[in-house]
Protein backbone atom coordinates (compact mmCIF):
# COMPACT_ATOMS: atom_id res chain seq x y z
CA MET A 1 69.43 64.02 10.72
CA ARG A 2 68.48 61.56 8.04
CA PRO A 3 69.32 62.48 4.44
CA HIS A 4 66.49 63.35 2.07
CA LEU A 5 64.99 60.43 0.19
CA ASN A 6 65.63 60.70 -3.52
CA TYR A 7 64.92 58.99 -6.80
CA PHE A 8 67.82 56.55 -6.60
CA VAL A 9 66.83 55.40 -3.11
CA LEU A 10 63.08 55.08 -3.60
CA ILE A 11 62.91 53.32 -6.94
CA PRO A 12 64.84 50.21 -5.76
CA VAL A 13 62.87 50.18 -2.51
CA LEU A 14 59.51 50.35 -4.28
CA GLY A 15 60.68 47.84 -6.84
CA ALA A 16 61.72 45.38 -4.16
CA LEU A 17 58.37 45.78 -2.45
CA ALA A 18 56.56 45.11 -5.70
CA ALA A 19 56.91 41.33 -5.55
CA PRO A 20 54.39 40.17 -2.91
CA ALA A 21 51.74 42.91 -2.95
CA MET A 22 48.54 41.89 -1.18
CA ALA A 23 46.49 42.95 1.81
CA VAL A 24 46.84 40.89 4.96
CA GLN A 25 43.66 38.87 5.36
CA VAL A 26 43.24 38.58 9.11
CA THR A 27 39.92 36.74 8.89
CA ASP A 28 37.48 35.90 6.13
CA ASN A 29 35.95 39.34 6.67
CA LEU A 30 38.82 41.60 7.82
CA ASP A 31 41.65 42.84 5.59
CA LEU A 32 44.55 45.02 6.73
CA GLY A 33 46.58 46.94 4.17
CA GLY A 34 47.97 50.29 3.16
CA ALA A 35 50.35 51.97 0.74
CA ILE A 36 53.77 53.54 0.38
CA ARG A 37 53.82 56.27 -2.24
CA ALA A 38 56.53 58.44 -3.76
CA ARG A 39 56.02 61.63 -5.79
CA TRP A 40 57.98 63.58 -8.38
CA ASP A 41 57.39 67.29 -9.01
CA TYR A 42 58.99 69.19 -11.89
CA ASP A 43 58.48 72.90 -12.53
CA PRO A 44 61.44 74.50 -14.36
CA ASP A 45 59.93 77.99 -14.09
CA ARG A 46 60.29 77.78 -10.30
CA ASP A 47 63.46 75.67 -10.39
CA ILE A 48 61.66 72.76 -8.71
CA GLN A 49 62.71 69.17 -9.35
CA LYS A 50 61.83 67.06 -6.32
CA PHE A 51 61.50 63.33 -5.76
CA GLY A 52 60.69 61.93 -2.34
CA LEU A 53 58.44 59.96 -0.09
CA ASP A 54 54.87 61.22 -0.43
CA THR A 55 52.48 59.21 1.70
CA VAL A 56 52.32 56.22 3.95
CA PHE A 57 48.86 55.07 4.94
CA LEU A 58 47.44 52.14 6.85
CA SER A 59 43.95 50.82 6.22
CA ALA A 60 41.47 48.27 7.46
CA LYS A 61 38.32 46.96 5.75
CA TYR A 62 35.63 44.74 7.20
CA ASN A 63 32.88 43.13 5.13
CA SER A 64 30.34 40.50 6.14
CA ASP A 65 26.76 39.75 5.23
CA THR A 66 25.61 42.36 7.72
CA TRP A 67 28.47 44.40 9.23
CA ILE A 68 30.89 46.55 7.19
CA GLY A 69 33.49 49.19 7.96
CA GLU A 70 36.57 51.03 6.77
CA ALA A 71 39.39 53.00 8.37
CA GLN A 72 42.44 54.70 6.89
CA TYR A 73 45.15 56.79 8.55
CA ARG A 74 47.79 58.79 6.65
CA PHE A 75 51.30 60.10 7.36
CA TYR A 76 53.21 62.91 5.63
CA GLY A 77 56.17 65.20 6.29
CA ARG A 78 59.79 66.16 5.62
CA SER A 79 59.74 65.57 1.85
CA TYR A 80 58.45 68.17 -0.64
CA PRO A 81 56.02 69.94 -0.28
CA TYR A 82 56.33 69.40 3.48
CA GLN A 83 60.07 70.14 3.63
CA TYR A 84 59.36 72.67 6.38
CA THR A 85 58.72 69.81 8.83
CA LYS A 86 61.59 67.98 10.51
CA ASN A 87 60.37 64.39 10.60
CA TYR A 88 58.21 62.14 8.50
CA GLY A 89 54.90 61.80 10.34
CA ASP A 90 54.87 65.40 11.58
CA ILE A 91 51.69 65.69 9.50
CA GLN A 92 49.08 62.96 9.93
CA PHE A 93 45.31 62.55 9.79
CA ALA A 94 42.51 60.08 9.12
CA LYS A 95 40.67 59.72 5.82
CA PHE A 96 38.01 57.18 6.89
CA ALA A 97 36.79 55.77 10.18
CA TRP A 98 33.29 54.32 9.94
CA VAL A 99 31.22 51.25 10.67
CA GLY A 100 28.09 50.17 8.83
CA TYR A 101 25.22 47.73 8.75
CA LYS A 102 23.70 46.06 5.67
CA PHE A 103 19.97 45.52 6.05
CA ASN A 104 20.10 43.54 2.80
CA PRO A 105 22.28 43.61 -0.36
CA GLU A 106 20.49 46.78 -1.53
CA GLN A 107 20.35 48.83 1.68
CA GLN A 108 23.01 49.91 4.15
CA VAL A 109 23.88 52.62 6.65
CA GLN A 110 27.36 53.98 7.49
CA VAL A 111 28.18 55.84 10.71
CA GLY A 112 31.38 57.74 11.49
CA LEU A 113 33.90 59.53 9.27
CA ASN A 114 32.60 58.62 5.81
CA THR A 115 32.38 60.11 2.31
CA VAL A 116 29.76 62.81 1.71
CA PRO A 117 27.63 61.61 -1.27
CA PHE A 118 27.72 64.63 -3.57
CA GLY A 119 28.03 64.64 -7.35
CA LEU A 120 30.12 62.20 -9.36
CA GLN A 121 31.33 59.35 -7.18
CA PRO A 122 33.88 58.53 -5.95
CA TYR A 123 35.74 61.36 -7.74
CA PHE A 124 34.91 64.13 -10.21
CA GLY A 125 37.02 62.54 -12.95
CA SER A 126 39.83 60.11 -13.80
CA THR A 127 42.76 62.08 -12.38
CA PHE A 128 44.95 61.31 -9.39
CA TYR A 129 45.45 65.00 -8.52
CA GLU A 130 41.66 65.56 -8.54
CA THR A 131 39.77 68.62 -9.78
CA LEU A 132 39.15 72.10 -8.40
CA GLY A 133 36.02 70.58 -6.87
CA ASN A 134 38.30 68.94 -4.32
CA VAL A 135 39.87 72.23 -3.26
CA ILE A 136 36.56 74.10 -2.87
CA GLY A 137 35.25 71.33 -0.61
CA LEU A 138 32.86 69.34 -2.82
CA GLU A 139 34.92 66.40 -4.14
CA ASP A 140 36.26 63.50 -2.06
CA VAL A 141 34.99 65.00 1.20
CA GLN A 142 34.69 63.05 4.45
CA GLN A 143 32.66 64.27 7.42
CA VAL A 144 31.45 62.79 10.71
CA GLY A 145 27.88 61.55 10.57
CA ALA A 146 25.54 58.94 9.13
CA LYS A 147 24.83 57.97 5.51
CA TYR A 148 22.05 55.79 4.11
CA VAL A 149 22.57 54.02 0.76
CA GLN A 150 19.84 52.26 -1.23
CA GLN A 151 20.01 50.59 -4.65
CA THR A 152 16.56 49.95 -6.16
CA GLY A 153 16.79 48.65 -9.70
CA ASP A 154 18.47 51.38 -11.77
CA TRP A 155 18.08 53.96 -9.01
CA ASN A 156 20.74 54.77 -6.43
CA ILE A 157 19.74 56.96 -3.49
CA GLN A 158 22.16 58.25 -0.86
CA ALA A 159 21.24 60.55 2.01
CA GLY A 160 23.49 61.81 4.77
CA TYR A 161 23.44 63.86 7.95
CA TYR A 162 26.80 65.06 9.25
CA LEU A 163 27.39 66.69 12.61
CA ARG A 164 30.81 68.17 11.77
CA PRO A 165 33.88 67.93 9.51
CA ALA A 166 36.69 65.48 10.15
CA TRP A 167 38.65 65.86 13.36
CA GLN A 168 41.88 67.80 13.06
CA GLY A 169 44.99 65.66 12.84
CA LYS A 170 48.58 66.55 13.68
CA GLY A 171 50.38 69.32 11.81
CA THR A 172 51.45 72.96 11.74
CA SER A 173 48.18 74.52 10.52
CA LYS A 174 44.54 74.95 11.49
CA GLY A 175 43.73 72.86 8.39
CA VAL A 176 45.04 69.37 9.12
CA THR A 177 42.49 67.10 7.45
CA TYR A 178 42.37 64.88 4.37
CA SER A 179 39.39 66.77 2.94
CA SER A 180 39.19 70.47 2.12
CA VAL A 181 36.74 71.65 4.78
CA VAL A 182 35.54 74.96 6.23
CA SER A 183 38.19 75.99 8.74
CA GLY A 184 39.64 78.73 10.86
CA ALA A 185 42.28 80.74 9.00
CA ASP A 186 45.97 80.64 9.82
CA SER A 187 47.67 83.99 10.47
CA TYR A 188 49.16 84.12 6.97
CA VAL A 189 45.71 84.19 5.27
CA SER A 190 44.71 87.78 4.51
CA ASP A 191 40.95 88.38 4.96
CA GLY A 192 40.69 84.93 6.52
CA SER A 193 37.64 83.84 8.52
CA ASP A 194 36.92 81.42 11.36
CA ASN A 195 33.91 79.24 10.59
CA GLN A 196 33.03 75.65 11.35
CA GLU A 197 30.52 73.64 9.35
CA ARG A 198 27.77 71.89 11.28
CA ASN A 199 24.63 69.87 10.59
CA THR A 200 25.26 69.08 6.92
CA VAL A 201 22.31 67.48 5.14
CA VAL A 202 22.95 65.95 1.71
CA LEU A 203 20.88 63.97 -0.81
CA ARG A 204 22.11 62.32 -4.01
CA VAL A 205 19.81 60.58 -6.50
CA ALA A 206 21.20 58.84 -9.60
CA LYS A 207 19.73 56.63 -12.30
CA ALA A 208 21.50 54.16 -14.58
CA LEU A 209 20.31 54.04 -18.18
CA ASP A 210 21.42 53.23 -21.72
CA LEU A 211 21.84 56.08 -24.20
CA GLY A 212 22.54 54.30 -27.44
CA ASP A 213 25.78 52.40 -26.94
CA TRP A 214 26.63 54.38 -23.81
CA LYS A 215 26.12 52.81 -20.39
CA SER A 216 25.20 55.95 -18.50
CA GLU A 217 24.30 57.47 -15.16
CA VAL A 218 22.60 60.80 -14.59
CA GLY A 219 22.25 62.29 -11.15
CA LEU A 220 21.26 65.24 -9.02
CA SER A 221 22.76 66.22 -5.65
CA GLY A 222 21.93 68.81 -3.02
CA LEU A 223 23.70 69.91 0.16
CA THR A 224 22.94 72.40 2.92
CA SER A 225 24.72 73.14 6.21
CA THR A 226 25.23 75.70 8.96
CA LEU A 227 28.37 77.85 9.12
CA GLU A 228 29.07 78.76 12.74
CA ASN A 229 31.30 81.83 12.93
CA LYS A 230 33.62 81.77 15.94
CA ASP A 231 34.31 85.52 15.82
CA THR A 232 30.78 86.93 15.56
CA GLY A 233 28.80 84.09 17.13
CA ASN A 234 26.35 84.28 14.21
CA ASP A 235 25.37 81.47 11.87
CA GLY A 236 25.52 81.54 8.10
CA ARG A 237 24.70 78.84 5.56
CA ARG A 238 26.35 76.79 2.89
CA ASN A 239 24.24 75.46 0.00
CA ALA A 240 25.34 73.47 -3.04
CA VAL A 241 23.60 71.66 -5.89
CA ALA A 242 25.03 69.57 -8.73
CA ILE A 243 23.90 67.70 -11.81
CA HIS A 244 26.15 65.06 -13.32
CA TYR A 245 26.50 62.59 -16.18
CA LEU A 246 28.74 59.51 -16.39
CA GLY A 247 29.01 57.47 -19.57
CA LYS A 248 30.98 54.40 -20.70
CA ASN A 249 31.17 53.05 -24.25
CA GLY A 250 33.77 50.31 -24.62
CA PRO A 251 37.16 51.86 -23.77
CA TRP A 252 35.79 55.42 -23.80
CA GLY A 253 34.58 57.20 -20.69
CA VAL A 254 32.94 60.59 -20.21
CA GLN A 255 32.16 62.44 -16.99
CA LEU A 256 30.39 65.80 -16.88
CA GLN A 257 29.22 67.90 -13.97
CA ALA A 258 27.91 71.36 -13.22
CA ALA A 259 27.55 72.56 -9.63
CA ARG A 260 26.62 75.73 -7.79
CA GLN A 261 28.07 76.53 -4.37
CA GLN A 262 26.67 79.45 -2.39
CA MET A 263 27.94 80.29 1.08
CA SER A 264 26.49 83.14 3.12
CA PRO A 265 28.83 83.46 6.09
CA ARG A 266 28.54 85.91 8.97
CA ASN A 267 32.20 86.86 9.09
CA ALA A 268 33.75 89.62 11.12
CA GLY A 269 35.35 90.89 7.90
CA THR A 270 34.36 90.35 4.27
CA ASP A 271 31.65 87.83 3.46
CA GLU A 272 32.93 87.39 -0.10
CA VAL A 273 35.32 84.61 0.95
CA VAL A 274 35.28 81.68 3.36
CA THR A 275 38.48 80.06 4.61
CA LEU A 276 38.89 76.33 3.97
CA GLY A 277 41.70 74.07 5.05
CA GLY A 278 43.28 70.71 4.35
CA TYR A 279 46.64 68.97 3.98
CA ASP A 280 48.26 71.29 6.56
CA GLY A 281 47.20 74.61 5.08
CA THR A 282 44.36 77.13 4.96
CA PHE A 283 43.22 79.34 2.08
CA ASN A 284 40.29 81.49 0.97
CA VAL A 285 37.52 80.33 -1.36
CA ALA A 286 34.97 82.61 -3.01
CA SER A 287 31.66 82.39 -1.18
CA ARG A 288 29.64 82.04 -4.38
CA GLY A 289 30.46 80.41 -7.69
CA ASN A 290 29.80 77.73 -10.28
CA LEU A 291 31.96 74.64 -10.73
CA TYR A 292 32.22 72.96 -14.15
CA VAL A 293 33.94 69.63 -14.77
CA ALA A 294 34.51 67.65 -18.00
CA ASP A 295 36.53 64.43 -18.18
CA LEU A 296 37.37 62.22 -21.17
CA SER A 297 39.19 58.91 -20.72
CA TYR A 298 40.31 55.93 -22.79
CA ASP A 299 41.23 52.47 -21.46
CA VAL A 300 44.10 50.87 -23.39
CA GLY A 301 43.66 47.10 -23.44
CA GLY A 302 46.39 44.51 -23.21
CA LYS A 303 49.69 44.08 -21.39
CA TYR A 304 53.09 45.43 -22.39
CA LEU A 305 56.80 45.13 -21.56
CA TRP A 306 56.74 41.40 -20.93
CA ASP A 307 53.31 41.69 -19.29
CA GLN A 308 54.63 44.04 -16.61
CA VAL A 309 52.54 47.05 -17.73
CA SER A 310 48.75 46.77 -17.66
CA GLY A 311 45.60 48.75 -16.92
CA VAL A 312 46.70 51.74 -18.98
CA LYS A 313 44.27 54.67 -18.92
CA LEU A 314 44.65 57.94 -20.82
CA TYR A 315 42.63 60.94 -19.70
CA ALA A 316 42.02 64.66 -20.04
CA ASN A 317 40.19 66.65 -17.38
CA TYR A 318 39.06 70.27 -17.23
CA SER A 319 37.57 72.02 -14.21
CA ALA A 320 36.69 75.66 -13.64
CA PHE A 321 35.42 77.63 -10.66
CA ASP A 322 33.60 80.68 -12.02
CA LYS A 323 33.10 83.06 -9.10
CA SER A 324 30.06 85.31 -8.78
CA ALA A 325 31.90 88.41 -7.53
CA ASP A 326 32.66 90.50 -10.61
CA GLU A 327 36.21 91.39 -9.58
CA PHE A 328 37.16 87.79 -8.73
CA LYS A 329 39.18 85.92 -11.36
CA THR A 330 38.00 82.50 -12.58
CA SER A 331 40.10 79.54 -11.41
CA GLN A 332 40.83 76.85 -14.01
CA ARG A 333 42.63 73.51 -14.00
CA VAL A 334 43.54 71.21 -16.91
CA ILE A 335 45.07 67.77 -16.31
CA LEU A 336 46.43 65.58 -19.11
CA GLY A 337 47.61 62.25 -17.81
CA THR A 338 47.94 58.52 -17.79
CA SER A 339 47.75 55.88 -15.08
CA PHE A 340 48.87 52.26 -15.25
CA SER A 341 50.18 49.33 -13.25
CA PHE A 342 53.82 48.35 -13.51
CA SER A 343 54.20 44.95 -11.90
CA LYS A 344 52.74 45.60 -8.42
CA LEU A 345 53.24 49.37 -8.57
CA TRP A 346 50.49 51.79 -9.58
CA ILE A 347 51.73 54.93 -11.34
CA ALA A 348 50.01 58.16 -12.37
CA THR A 349 51.82 60.75 -14.50
CA GLU A 350 50.07 64.08 -15.05
CA TRP A 351 50.72 67.40 -16.75
CA LEU A 352 49.05 69.97 -14.53
CA ILE A 353 47.99 73.27 -16.12
CA GLY A 354 46.31 75.91 -13.98
CA LYS A 355 45.18 79.51 -13.85
CA ASN A 356 44.45 81.06 -10.46
CA ASP A 357 45.00 77.59 -9.02
CA PRO A 358 46.52 77.50 -5.52
CA TYR A 359 48.37 74.24 -6.15
CA ILE A 360 49.81 74.75 -9.64
CA GLY A 361 52.73 76.85 -10.79
CA GLY A 362 53.18 79.10 -7.79
CA SER A 363 49.97 81.13 -8.06
CA SER A 364 48.81 82.57 -4.71
CA TYR A 365 48.08 79.68 -2.35
CA THR A 366 45.82 81.68 -0.05
CA GLN A 367 43.91 83.84 -2.57
CA SER A 368 43.77 82.02 -5.93
CA LEU A 369 40.34 80.49 -5.22
CA GLY A 370 39.17 83.81 -3.78
CA ALA A 371 39.94 87.03 -5.59
CA GLY A 372 42.53 85.27 -7.76
CA GLY A 373 46.25 84.73 -8.01
CA SER A 374 48.75 85.40 -10.80
CA ASN A 375 45.89 85.28 -13.35
CA GLN A 376 48.11 83.59 -15.91
CA TRP A 377 48.47 80.00 -17.06
CA GLU A 378 51.04 78.00 -15.11
CA ASN A 379 52.07 74.37 -15.54
CA GLN A 380 54.14 71.62 -13.96
CA LEU A 381 54.66 67.86 -14.16
CA TYR A 382 53.59 65.46 -11.43
CA MET A 383 54.07 61.73 -10.91
CA ASN A 384 52.87 59.49 -8.11
CA ILE A 385 54.27 55.95 -7.67
CA GLY A 386 52.52 53.72 -5.21
CA TYR A 387 52.98 50.27 -3.76
CA TYR A 388 49.65 49.13 -2.32
CA PHE A 389 49.43 46.20 0.04
C-alpha cells in the first residue's frame, strides 16, 4: 500500500509544477487542461489535522465562431475525507459534458450535462467552499438537458429544460455526482426517500444597470420539476424561485440573494424531507424552506513577495436555510476567507463556521439540513491549493 500523501510531499510537488502552468492548446479552438489540488483541514475540537491530495480533474474546452463545448471529469479517494476508500480514483464523476452552437455572439444553445441557470451565476458568492445553496441543490448544479442563452443589450435571458440529473459516477454511495441532486437514500440515512428529479424547467432573467457608482445586476429565477418516487410510484413536485443582486464598485463587491424552495414529494414515509446526494454521500433536506445569502468581497490590488502573490481577494459570506417545519432547526453557514495566486498556484484559505451544517464541525451529516444536527455553532479551518494547467 502506498503511504498517505502529506504536507511535506505535496508542497514540493505542487511547487515544482508551478513553473509552466498552461492549458495544452491542441488547435486554435480546442484546449485541454485540468488541475491537481491539495486540501488542508484543521478542527482541534475533533482532533482533525489532515493534509492530502484533494482532486485531480481533466478538462476540455472548444470555442469557435459557431461551435462550443466543455467537458470535465474528476477523481477523488483515499485522502481525507475519503480515507475509507483504498485507492485514489475510487470516487469519480463528471462535472460538465456538453456541446453548443452559437447562432451569433448574443445567442447560443448548450446541450448535454450543463449548468442549471438559477440565481447568482456562476456561484452564490466569492467562496471556494460554496454556500448552503450548494448543499440544498440550487447552487452550482449540473443536469442533463438543453439551455438557451441570449444577451440583448443589458438583458440576459437563460432558459433550460433538463431531462434528468447528472449520471451517477463511481463510488460507494447512491449519491456519486458533482452536484447535490435529488437521490435515493443510502441505508444509513434515517427517514430517507428514493426520488429522482425529471423534466426540470428553469428560467433566469437578469438586467445590468448602474446604481450610483455601483455596476449592478438584478435578476429573477424560477424552477419547477417532477419528483418521481421509486417506492410509491407517485409523482411530486419541486418548485424554487430566487431574486438576486450583484454589485461592483471599484474593489468592493456585494452579492445578495433570497430564494424559496418547496418540494412536495410522495414518499413512502415522511414528506417533510427529501434525500439529496453528491460527493459520495446522501443526506436529508427539508422539503420547504427559504435560503438567504449575503456576500461582501474586496479585491486587493498589486503584487507582493517579489511579485509572486497577486489577485488577492478578501471575502465574508453568510448563508442560511430557514426551514418551514416549526420543529426543524435553521441551518447557517459563515465563511471568512481569502483567495490569491502564488506563482502558478491558486490558494483559498477559509474559516468555516456552521450551525446545523452537515459539512462543518461534525454536526449530523444526514439530518442537519432536515430536522437539524447539533444545533450549536461549530468551526474549522480549510485550505485548498491548486495547480491548474
